[in-house]
Amino acid sequence: MRIRRPLKGTALLAIGAAMLPALTSKAAPPTPATPPPPSGAVPGWTDFLDGLRELPDRILARLPADQRNDPQIRQEVGRLALSAVAAGTLDALASDPDHPVFLPQINNYITTGQPNADTNYRSAKITPGGIYRLRGRRGSMNQARIAEVGPRPKQTEGTVNLGKPRPVHDLNTLKVDAAGRYDVLLSPTRPQGYTGDWWQLDPTSNMLLVRMVGSQWDKEVEPTLSIERLDIPAAQPRPAAATLEANLRSIPASADFIAPLLVDRPQKLRVEGYVNKLKDVDFSQMGGLAGQYYYEGVYDLKDDEALIVETKLPERCTYRSLILTNEIYETTDWYNNHSSLNGAQAPADKDGVLRIVVSARDPGVLNWLDTAGYPRGVIQGRWMECSSKPIPTVRKVALADVKKSLPAETPTISAEKRDKQIRDRRALLQQRPLW
């Protein structure tokens, strides 16, 4: 008589696995598949996609033929369109005028509107007529200003109009406690009995735009910001379906306004004759700050050429800068290139003249702006609260002749030190909060 040994665990598992299909097929009928949702089950989604489909084409239509046909510029237009969609999407996801928050606006990665390299921009939607409280640490930035923004006026062909300048509030003027904290109310009228810091709010303003401008990136401390509406309950209820749909539908309209807005500006300057030449610009109807003056012009350079930008400095000046853009008016990547300079970074020469070299290759002088692979673009300068607003002169020289075209005492810099300088600026910029 043979005695069968009991099966070990692994054998039992193998037998069970082999039997499982047969057991399950007999035990229960298959579960019917869930029917797919009807087409258009999320109202607004198809319109959202359709509204963005031709956005790059609408941007390209504003450019001259040679740029429209350039494969590189086409992809940069795609990036610009994506940047506008990203900004609109963030706004749709997080903006609630009754429960606001300061969101990133434009920066090195959301390049619509040609951001200034030294400025962190944030914005918060607000409900006209509401009462708001701002709190945080004031910091020590060169400028920390909050501009009110109103409804966008109707645009006419060939013009850009963001409305008349509205009040601008200065964080640096607020009282702070021993920890450096401020607390300020914004409302159309001062609340009865309130004696703290208060800013009068235009009753038609629907957004606050923050500009935090730093010249000494390693020393100045960014302010912190919180905002809340006081004249409604604190809790935020579940957003209604209609609100979510409206937010979704707002993205194409927002992107369609901002993405093509300034792409043709370099071409307009070129047609006006401002090639390797600068002119003063009035941005007061385009969101520019009171007291800030601009100058700009197109640069057009070969790899072996350079521009020398020269101006006598004003006797007094709160802030100054010089930046570059590409051919579609995106600010040149200043995180990874030596493509922006401010008053703390670009000293004047002993004669009081500021001289800055613009070129594709490093000429070995301290005050250099790198075109970073863009043979054409725009030079733009800012004077903020300065005793004068000079328009610099521009002269083109051979790259090999740069040093002999400058004063003998012009500061120079080695390739090794330039590499360290770019690495250090990248680290300092990454350490500035974007959120």
Protein backbone atom coordinates (compact mmCIF):
# COMPACT_ATOMS: atom_id res chain seq x y z
CA MET A 1 0.00 0.00 0.00
CA ARG A 2 1.45 3.41 -1.04
CA ILE A 3 1.09 6.28 1.36
CA ARG A 4 0.58 9.63 -0.39
CA ARG A 5 2.56 12.46 1.15
CA PRO A 6 0.67 15.70 1.85
CA LEU A 7 1.25 18.42 -0.76
CA LYS A 8 3.56 21.24 0.25
CA GLY A 9 2.38 24.84 0.20
CA THR A 10 3.95 25.74 -3.12
CA ALA A 11 2.29 22.79 -4.81
CA LEU A 12 -1.08 23.78 -3.39
CA LEU A 13 -0.60 27.30 -4.71
CA ALA A 14 0.25 26.00 -8.16
CA ILE A 15 -2.83 23.76 -8.27
CA GLY A 16 -5.04 26.59 -7.01
CA ALA A 17 -3.74 28.94 -9.65
CA ALA A 18 -4.39 26.38 -12.38
CA MET A 19 -7.95 25.75 -11.18
CA LEU A 20 -8.83 29.44 -10.68
CA PRO A 21 -9.99 30.26 -14.23
CA ALA A 22 -12.30 27.27 -14.32
CA LEU A 23 -13.71 27.96 -10.86
CA THR A 24 -14.31 31.64 -11.50
CA SER A 25 -15.84 31.08 -14.93
CA LYS A 26 -18.40 28.76 -13.40
CA ALA A 27 -18.97 30.79 -10.25
CA ALA A 28 -20.18 34.11 -11.72
CA PRO A 29 -21.08 35.64 -15.08
CA PRO A 30 -18.74 38.36 -16.42
CA THR A 31 -19.37 41.93 -15.18
CA PRO A 32 -20.81 44.06 -17.96
CA ALA A 33 -18.54 46.94 -19.07
CA THR A 34 -19.43 50.42 -17.83
CA PRO A 35 -20.75 52.43 -20.78
CA PRO A 36 -18.56 55.42 -21.70
CA PRO A 37 -19.83 58.87 -20.74
CA PRO A 38 -21.64 60.75 -23.46
CA SER A 39 -19.57 63.08 -25.62
CA GLY A 40 -19.28 66.50 -24.02
CA ALA A 41 -19.98 65.12 -20.54
CA VAL A 42 -17.90 67.99 -19.05
CA PRO A 43 -19.53 71.15 -20.39
CA GLY A 44 -16.94 73.59 -21.69
CA TRP A 45 -14.11 71.09 -22.13
CA THR A 46 -14.45 70.71 -25.90
CA ASP A 47 -14.82 74.48 -26.30
CA PHE A 48 -11.71 74.92 -24.13
CA LEU A 49 -9.69 72.68 -26.44
CA ASP A 50 -11.14 74.19 -29.61
CA GLY A 51 -10.44 77.71 -28.34
CA LEU A 52 -6.73 76.91 -28.01
CA ARG A 53 -6.31 74.94 -31.22
CA GLU A 54 -5.37 77.90 -33.43
CA LEU A 55 -3.69 80.08 -30.80
CA PRO A 56 -0.17 79.60 -32.25
CA ASP A 57 -1.51 80.48 -35.71
CA ARG A 58 -2.97 83.71 -34.37
CA ILE A 59 0.38 84.61 -32.80
CA LEU A 60 2.29 83.81 -35.98
CA ALA A 61 -0.10 85.96 -38.03
CA ARG A 62 1.26 89.05 -36.24
CA LEU A 63 4.86 88.33 -37.28
CA PRO A 64 6.64 89.15 -40.56
CA ALA A 65 6.92 86.40 -43.17
CA ASP A 66 10.58 85.57 -42.50
CA GLN A 67 9.76 84.82 -38.85
CA ARG A 68 6.55 82.92 -39.64
CA ASN A 69 8.57 80.59 -41.87
CA ASP A 70 11.43 80.06 -39.40
CA PRO A 71 11.11 76.59 -37.76
CA GLN A 72 12.92 77.82 -34.62
CA ILE A 73 10.61 80.78 -34.14
CA ARG A 74 7.55 78.61 -34.77
CA GLN A 75 8.50 76.43 -31.83
CA GLU A 76 9.20 79.49 -29.70
CA VAL A 77 5.72 80.71 -30.57
CA GLY A 78 4.46 77.33 -29.36
CA ARG A 79 6.31 77.88 -26.09
CA LEU A 80 4.82 81.36 -25.75
CA ALA A 81 1.33 79.97 -26.35
CA LEU A 82 1.92 77.26 -23.75
CA SER A 83 3.15 79.90 -21.32
CA ALA A 84 -0.08 81.86 -21.75
CA VAL A 85 -2.15 78.70 -21.27
CA ALA A 86 -0.19 77.85 -18.11
CA ALA A 87 -0.87 81.29 -16.67
CA GLY A 88 -4.56 81.08 -17.55
CA THR A 89 -4.82 77.56 -16.14
CA LEU A 90 -3.23 78.55 -12.82
CA ASP A 91 -5.65 81.44 -12.61
CA ALA A 92 -8.63 79.18 -13.38
CA LEU A 93 -7.55 76.64 -10.76
CA ALA A 94 -6.72 78.95 -7.88
CA SER A 95 -8.25 82.40 -8.32
CA ASP A 96 -11.30 83.16 -6.21
CA PRO A 97 -11.91 86.89 -5.65
CA ASP A 98 -13.76 86.14 -2.40
CA HIS A 99 -10.98 83.86 -1.11
CA PRO A 100 -7.93 85.30 -2.89
CA VAL A 101 -4.33 84.21 -2.92
CA PHE A 102 -1.28 85.80 -4.52
CA LEU A 103 -0.29 83.61 -7.48
CA PRO A 104 2.84 83.71 -9.66
CA GLN A 105 2.32 86.09 -12.55
CA ILE A 106 5.11 86.36 -15.13
CA ASN A 107 8.68 85.15 -14.66
CA ASN A 108 11.51 83.33 -16.42
CA TYR A 109 9.13 80.50 -17.37
CA ILE A 110 5.84 82.32 -17.91
CA THR A 111 7.20 84.92 -20.32
CA THR A 112 4.07 86.66 -21.60
CA GLY A 113 4.28 90.40 -21.11
CA GLN A 114 8.09 90.54 -21.20
CA PRO A 115 8.97 90.36 -17.47
CA ASN A 116 11.77 92.36 -15.90
CA ALA A 117 14.59 90.10 -14.72
CA ASP A 118 14.83 91.67 -11.25
CA THR A 119 11.11 91.54 -10.52
CA ASN A 120 8.97 88.86 -8.92
CA TYR A 121 5.40 89.40 -10.07
CA ARG A 122 2.34 88.03 -8.26
CA SER A 123 -1.34 88.78 -8.59
CA ALA A 124 -4.57 88.19 -6.72
CA LYS A 125 -8.11 88.56 -8.06
CA ILE A 126 -10.42 90.56 -5.78
CA THR A 127 -14.12 91.41 -5.74
CA PRO A 128 -14.75 95.12 -6.42
CA GLY A 129 -15.86 96.88 -3.27
CA GLY A 130 -14.63 94.18 -0.87
CA ILE A 131 -12.60 94.70 2.30
CA TYR A 132 -9.23 92.94 2.32
CA ARG A 133 -6.45 92.40 4.83
CA LEU A 134 -2.79 91.87 3.92
CA ARG A 135 -0.29 90.48 6.41
CA GLY A 136 3.30 89.28 6.34
CA ARG A 137 6.92 90.29 6.78
CA ARG A 138 7.87 93.47 4.97
CA GLY A 139 11.35 92.37 3.91
CA SER A 140 13.93 94.73 2.43
CA MET A 141 13.47 94.81 -1.33
CA ASN A 142 14.47 97.77 -3.48
CA GLN A 143 10.77 98.02 -4.35
CA ALA A 144 7.72 96.16 -3.06
CA ARG A 145 4.64 97.69 -4.64
CA ILE A 146 1.06 96.58 -5.11
CA ALA A 147 -0.77 98.08 -8.07
CA GLU A 148 -4.54 97.99 -8.45
CA VAL A 149 -5.87 96.71 -11.76
CA GLY A 150 -9.34 97.30 -13.18
CA PRO A 151 -11.52 95.79 -15.90
CA ARG A 152 -9.72 95.52 -19.23
CA PRO A 153 -10.87 98.18 -21.71
CA LYS A 154 -12.01 97.13 -25.16
CA GLN A 155 -8.99 96.84 -27.45
CA THR A 156 -8.74 98.45 -30.86
CA GLU A 157 -6.65 97.07 -33.71
CA GLY A 158 -3.00 98.04 -33.49
CA THR A 159 -3.11 99.40 -29.93
CA VAL A 160 -2.57 97.95 -26.47
CA ASN A 161 -4.66 99.56 -23.76
CA LEU A 162 -4.80 98.12 -20.25
CA GLY A 163 -6.58 101.16 -18.86
CA LYS A 164 -5.61 104.30 -17.00
CA PRO A 165 -3.04 103.98 -14.19
CA ARG A 166 -4.64 103.09 -10.86
CA PRO A 167 -3.40 103.51 -7.29
CA VAL A 168 -0.11 101.85 -6.38
CA HIS A 169 0.60 100.98 -2.74
CA ASP A 170 4.08 100.70 -1.24
CA LEU A 171 4.79 97.91 1.26
CA ASN A 172 7.97 99.67 2.33
CA THR A 173 5.95 102.55 3.80
CA LEU A 174 4.00 100.36 6.25
CA LYS A 175 4.64 100.19 9.98
CA VAL A 176 6.13 96.93 11.23
CA ASP A 177 6.37 95.30 14.66
CA ALA A 178 9.52 94.04 16.37
CA ALA A 179 9.50 90.94 14.10
CA GLY A 180 9.23 93.06 10.93
CA ARG A 181 5.57 92.17 10.34
CA TYR A 182 3.03 94.49 8.74
CA ASP A 183 -0.78 94.44 8.79
CA VAL A 184 -2.80 96.64 6.42
CA LEU A 185 -6.43 96.90 5.32
CA LEU A 186 -7.60 97.75 1.79
CA SER A 187 -11.16 98.98 1.30
CA PRO A 188 -13.07 101.72 -0.52
CA THR A 189 -13.62 103.54 2.80
CA ARG A 190 -11.79 103.27 6.10
CA PRO A 191 -13.68 100.99 8.50
CA GLN A 192 -15.20 102.97 11.34
CA GLY A 193 -12.95 103.09 14.38
CA TYR A 194 -10.00 101.44 12.60
CA THR A 195 -6.68 103.16 13.40
CA GLY A 196 -4.10 100.82 11.82
CA ASP A 197 -2.46 101.04 8.38
CA TRP A 198 -5.08 101.44 5.64
CA TRP A 199 -4.98 101.83 1.87
CA GLN A 200 -7.96 103.19 -0.02
CA LEU A 201 -9.11 100.75 -2.70
CA ASP A 202 -10.71 101.92 -5.93
CA PRO A 203 -14.22 100.38 -5.76
CA THR A 204 -13.90 99.15 -9.37
CA SER A 205 -10.49 97.44 -9.01
CA ASN A 206 -10.66 93.67 -9.54
CA MET A 207 -7.02 92.60 -9.16
CA LEU A 208 -3.88 93.41 -7.21
CA LEU A 209 -0.52 93.11 -9.00
CA VAL A 210 2.61 92.84 -6.83
CA ARG A 211 6.07 93.79 -8.06
CA MET A 212 8.98 92.84 -5.80
CA VAL A 213 12.14 94.29 -7.33
CA GLY A 214 15.59 93.33 -6.11
CA SER A 215 18.95 94.78 -7.13
CA GLN A 216 21.18 92.91 -4.65
CA TRP A 217 19.88 89.37 -5.00
CA ASP A 218 22.14 88.03 -2.24
CA LYS A 219 21.19 90.65 0.37
CA GLU A 220 17.60 91.84 -0.11
CA VAL A 221 14.86 89.85 1.61
CA GLU A 222 11.60 89.13 -0.22
CA PRO A 223 8.39 90.17 1.56
CA THR A 224 5.84 87.54 2.53
CA LEU A 225 2.21 88.10 1.59
CA SER A 226 -1.15 86.80 2.68
CA ILE A 227 -4.54 88.20 1.72
CA GLU A 228 -8.06 87.57 2.99
CA ARG A 229 -11.47 89.12 2.47
CA LEU A 230 -12.97 90.32 5.76
CA ASP A 231 -16.57 91.22 4.87
CA ILE A 232 -17.66 87.61 4.15
CA PRO A 233 -17.33 84.34 6.13
CA ALA A 234 -13.85 82.81 6.23
CA ALA A 235 -14.72 79.33 4.92
CA GLN A 236 -14.69 78.65 1.19
CA PRO A 237 -17.67 76.52 0.11
CA ARG A 238 -17.58 73.94 -2.65
CA PRO A 239 -17.36 75.78 -6.00
CA ALA A 240 -20.55 75.50 -8.03
CA ALA A 241 -20.48 73.61 -11.33
CA ALA A 242 -21.27 76.84 -13.18
CA THR A 243 -18.25 78.54 -11.58
CA LEU A 244 -15.92 75.69 -12.54
CA GLU A 245 -17.24 75.75 -16.10
CA ALA A 246 -16.78 79.51 -16.35
CA ASN A 247 -13.19 79.17 -15.09
CA LEU A 248 -12.49 76.51 -17.71
CA ARG A 249 -13.96 78.63 -20.48
CA SER A 250 -11.91 81.66 -19.37
CA ILE A 251 -8.56 80.07 -20.23
CA PRO A 252 -8.69 80.39 -24.06
CA ALA A 253 -9.87 84.00 -23.86
CA SER A 254 -7.10 84.88 -21.40
CA ALA A 255 -4.41 83.16 -23.48
CA ASP A 256 -5.75 84.66 -26.70
CA PHE A 257 -5.41 88.16 -25.25
CA ILE A 258 -1.98 87.97 -23.63
CA ALA A 259 0.01 85.64 -25.92
CA PRO A 260 -0.17 87.71 -29.16
CA LEU A 261 -0.25 91.06 -27.34
CA LEU A 262 3.36 92.23 -27.80
CA VAL A 263 4.92 89.74 -30.24
CA ASP A 264 5.01 92.28 -33.05
CA ARG A 265 6.67 95.00 -30.97
CA PRO A 266 10.22 94.20 -32.20
CA GLN A 267 9.02 94.44 -35.81
CA LYS A 268 7.30 97.77 -35.12
CA LEU A 269 10.54 99.18 -33.67
CA ARG A 270 12.38 97.91 -36.74
CA VAL A 271 9.92 99.61 -39.10
CA GLU A 272 10.32 102.84 -37.12
CA GLY A 273 14.07 102.68 -37.73
CA TYR A 274 15.17 101.86 -34.20
CA VAL A 275 17.67 99.17 -35.12
CA ASN A 276 20.82 99.32 -32.97
CA LYS A 277 19.32 102.57 -31.70
CA LEU A 278 17.13 103.41 -28.67
CA LYS A 279 14.01 105.52 -28.08
CA ASP A 280 11.96 106.44 -25.02
CA VAL A 281 8.73 104.47 -24.51
CA ASP A 282 5.52 105.34 -22.67
CA PHE A 283 4.01 102.27 -21.00
CA SER A 284 1.58 104.20 -18.80
CA GLN A 285 -1.41 102.67 -20.60
CA MET A 286 0.12 99.20 -20.48
CA GLY A 287 0.47 98.74 -16.73
CA GLY A 288 3.70 100.70 -16.26
CA LEU A 289 4.43 102.17 -12.83
CA ALA A 290 4.27 105.88 -12.15
CA GLY A 291 7.81 107.23 -11.89
CA GLN A 292 9.27 104.50 -14.10
CA TYR A 293 10.59 105.40 -17.55
CA TYR A 294 11.58 103.04 -20.33
CA TYR A 295 13.75 103.08 -23.42
CA GLU A 296 14.17 100.35 -26.00
CA GLY A 297 15.21 99.46 -29.52
CA VAL A 298 15.96 96.44 -31.68
CA TYR A 299 19.44 94.95 -31.76
CA ASP A 300 20.65 93.12 -34.88
CA LEU A 301 24.08 91.52 -34.55
CA LYS A 302 26.36 88.98 -36.18
CA ASP A 303 28.47 86.70 -33.99
CA ASP A 304 31.56 88.83 -34.55
CA GLU A 305 29.83 92.15 -33.77
CA ALA A 306 28.97 93.96 -30.56
CA LEU A 307 27.01 96.98 -29.43
CA ILE A 308 28.31 99.43 -26.84
CA VAL A 309 25.44 101.09 -24.96
CA GLU A 310 26.52 104.32 -23.24
CA THR A 311 24.85 106.91 -21.03
CA LYS A 312 25.67 109.38 -18.30
CA LEU A 313 23.95 108.19 -15.14
CA PRO A 314 21.31 110.31 -13.40
CA GLU A 315 22.49 111.94 -10.16
CA ARG A 316 19.73 110.15 -8.22
CA CYS A 317 18.02 106.90 -9.10
CA THR A 318 16.03 104.37 -7.07
CA TYR A 319 16.54 101.60 -9.61
CA ARG A 320 17.90 100.99 -13.12
CA SER A 321 18.21 97.95 -15.35
CA LEU A 322 18.93 96.75 -18.85
CA ILE A 323 17.48 93.50 -20.26
CA LEU A 324 17.21 91.71 -23.60
CA THR A 325 14.35 89.98 -25.39
CA ASN A 326 14.13 87.68 -28.37
CA GLU A 327 12.34 88.37 -31.67
CA ILE A 328 8.88 87.67 -30.23
CA TYR A 329 9.47 89.88 -27.16
CA GLU A 330 10.10 87.12 -24.62
CA THR A 331 12.69 88.21 -22.07
CA THR A 332 15.92 86.33 -22.71
CA ASP A 333 16.52 83.57 -20.14
CA TRP A 334 18.32 85.45 -17.37
CA TYR A 335 18.59 82.48 -15.01
CA ASN A 336 21.08 80.66 -17.22
CA ASN A 337 22.69 83.52 -19.16
CA HIS A 338 24.33 86.83 -18.32
CA SER A 339 21.44 88.61 -20.02
CA SER A 340 20.31 91.26 -17.51
CA LEU A 341 22.06 93.94 -15.49
CA ASN A 342 20.86 96.31 -12.76
CA GLY A 343 22.40 99.14 -10.79
CA ALA A 344 24.08 96.85 -8.28
CA GLN A 345 25.55 94.62 -11.00
CA ALA A 346 26.71 97.16 -13.61
CA PRO A 347 28.90 99.97 -12.23
CA ALA A 348 29.58 103.15 -14.16
CA ASP A 349 33.12 104.02 -15.22
CA LYS A 350 35.18 106.64 -13.39
CA ASP A 351 33.84 109.36 -15.70
CA GLY A 352 30.25 108.65 -14.53
CA VAL A 353 29.29 106.99 -17.81
CA LEU A 354 27.61 103.61 -17.82
CA ARG A 355 28.91 101.39 -20.63
CA ILE A 356 27.39 97.98 -21.39
CA VAL A 357 28.42 95.62 -24.18
CA VAL A 358 25.79 93.52 -25.99
CA SER A 359 27.10 90.57 -28.00
CA ALA A 360 26.75 86.86 -28.73
CA ARG A 361 30.23 86.03 -27.39
CA ASP A 362 31.78 87.15 -24.13
CA PRO A 363 34.10 90.12 -24.77
CA GLY A 364 35.74 89.68 -21.36
CA VAL A 365 34.40 92.91 -19.82
CA LEU A 366 32.34 93.02 -16.63
CA ASN A 367 29.31 94.88 -18.02
CA TRP A 368 28.19 92.40 -20.68
CA LEU A 369 24.75 91.30 -21.91
CA ASP A 370 24.67 87.91 -23.62
CA THR A 371 22.26 87.62 -26.56
CA ALA A 372 22.20 83.88 -25.74
CA GLY A 373 21.77 82.60 -29.29
CA TYR A 374 19.29 85.25 -30.49
CA PRO A 375 20.89 87.31 -33.28
CA ARG A 376 17.96 89.77 -33.17
CA GLY A 377 15.85 91.01 -30.30
CA VAL A 378 15.18 94.07 -28.18
CA ILE A 379 17.26 96.02 -25.66
CA GLN A 380 15.08 97.55 -22.97
CA GLY A 381 16.11 99.81 -20.12
CA ARG A 382 14.31 101.16 -17.04
CA TRP A 383 14.86 104.26 -14.92
CA MET A 384 12.85 104.28 -11.68
CA GLU A 385 12.43 107.50 -9.71
CA CYS A 386 15.56 109.02 -11.26
CA SER A 387 16.51 112.69 -11.38
CA SER A 388 16.76 112.41 -15.19
CA LYS A 389 15.85 109.88 -17.85
CA PRO A 390 18.59 109.85 -20.48
CA ILE A 391 18.34 107.79 -23.66
CA PRO A 392 21.65 105.91 -24.10
CA THR A 393 23.58 106.06 -27.34
CA VAL A 394 24.51 102.86 -29.18
CA ARG A 395 27.49 102.17 -31.40
CA LYS A 396 28.34 98.96 -33.23
CA VAL A 397 31.93 97.68 -33.25
CA ALA A 398 33.71 94.50 -34.19
CA LEU A 399 33.78 92.08 -31.26
CA ALA A 400 37.58 91.98 -31.53
CA ASP A 401 37.68 95.75 -31.05
CA VAL A 402 35.50 95.97 -27.92
CA LYS A 403 38.26 96.44 -25.34
CA LYS A 404 40.09 99.11 -27.33
CA SER A 405 36.76 100.92 -27.85
CA LEU A 406 36.29 101.28 -24.08
CA PRO A 407 38.24 103.27 -21.46
CA ALA A 408 41.51 101.66 -20.40
CA GLU A 409 40.26 101.22 -16.82
CA THR A 410 37.14 99.25 -17.88
CA PRO A 411 36.82 96.25 -15.52
CA THR A 412 37.55 92.92 -17.19
CA ILE A 413 36.68 89.35 -16.22
CA SER A 414 38.23 85.97 -17.04
CA ALA A 415 36.30 83.05 -18.57
CA GLU A 416 36.60 81.13 -15.28
CA LYS A 417 35.20 84.00 -13.23
CA ARG A 418 32.39 84.53 -15.75
CA ASP A 419 31.40 80.87 -15.43
CA LYS A 420 31.29 81.25 -11.64
CA GLN A 421 29.32 84.50 -11.98
CA ILE A 422 26.63 82.79 -14.07
CA ARG A 423 26.44 79.84 -11.69
CA ASP A 424 26.11 82.19 -8.71
CA ARG A 425 23.38 84.29 -10.33
CA ARG A 426 21.45 81.11 -11.20
CA ALA A 427 21.67 79.93 -7.58
CA LEU A 428 20.54 83.30 -6.20
CA LEU A 429 17.61 83.52 -8.61
CA GLN A 430 16.48 79.99 -7.82
CA GLN A 431 16.56 80.86 -4.11
CA ARG A 432 14.12 83.74 -4.64
CA PRO A 433 10.59 82.43 -4.07
CA LEU A 434 8.40 82.26 -7.16
CA TRP A 435 5.24 81.28 -5.26
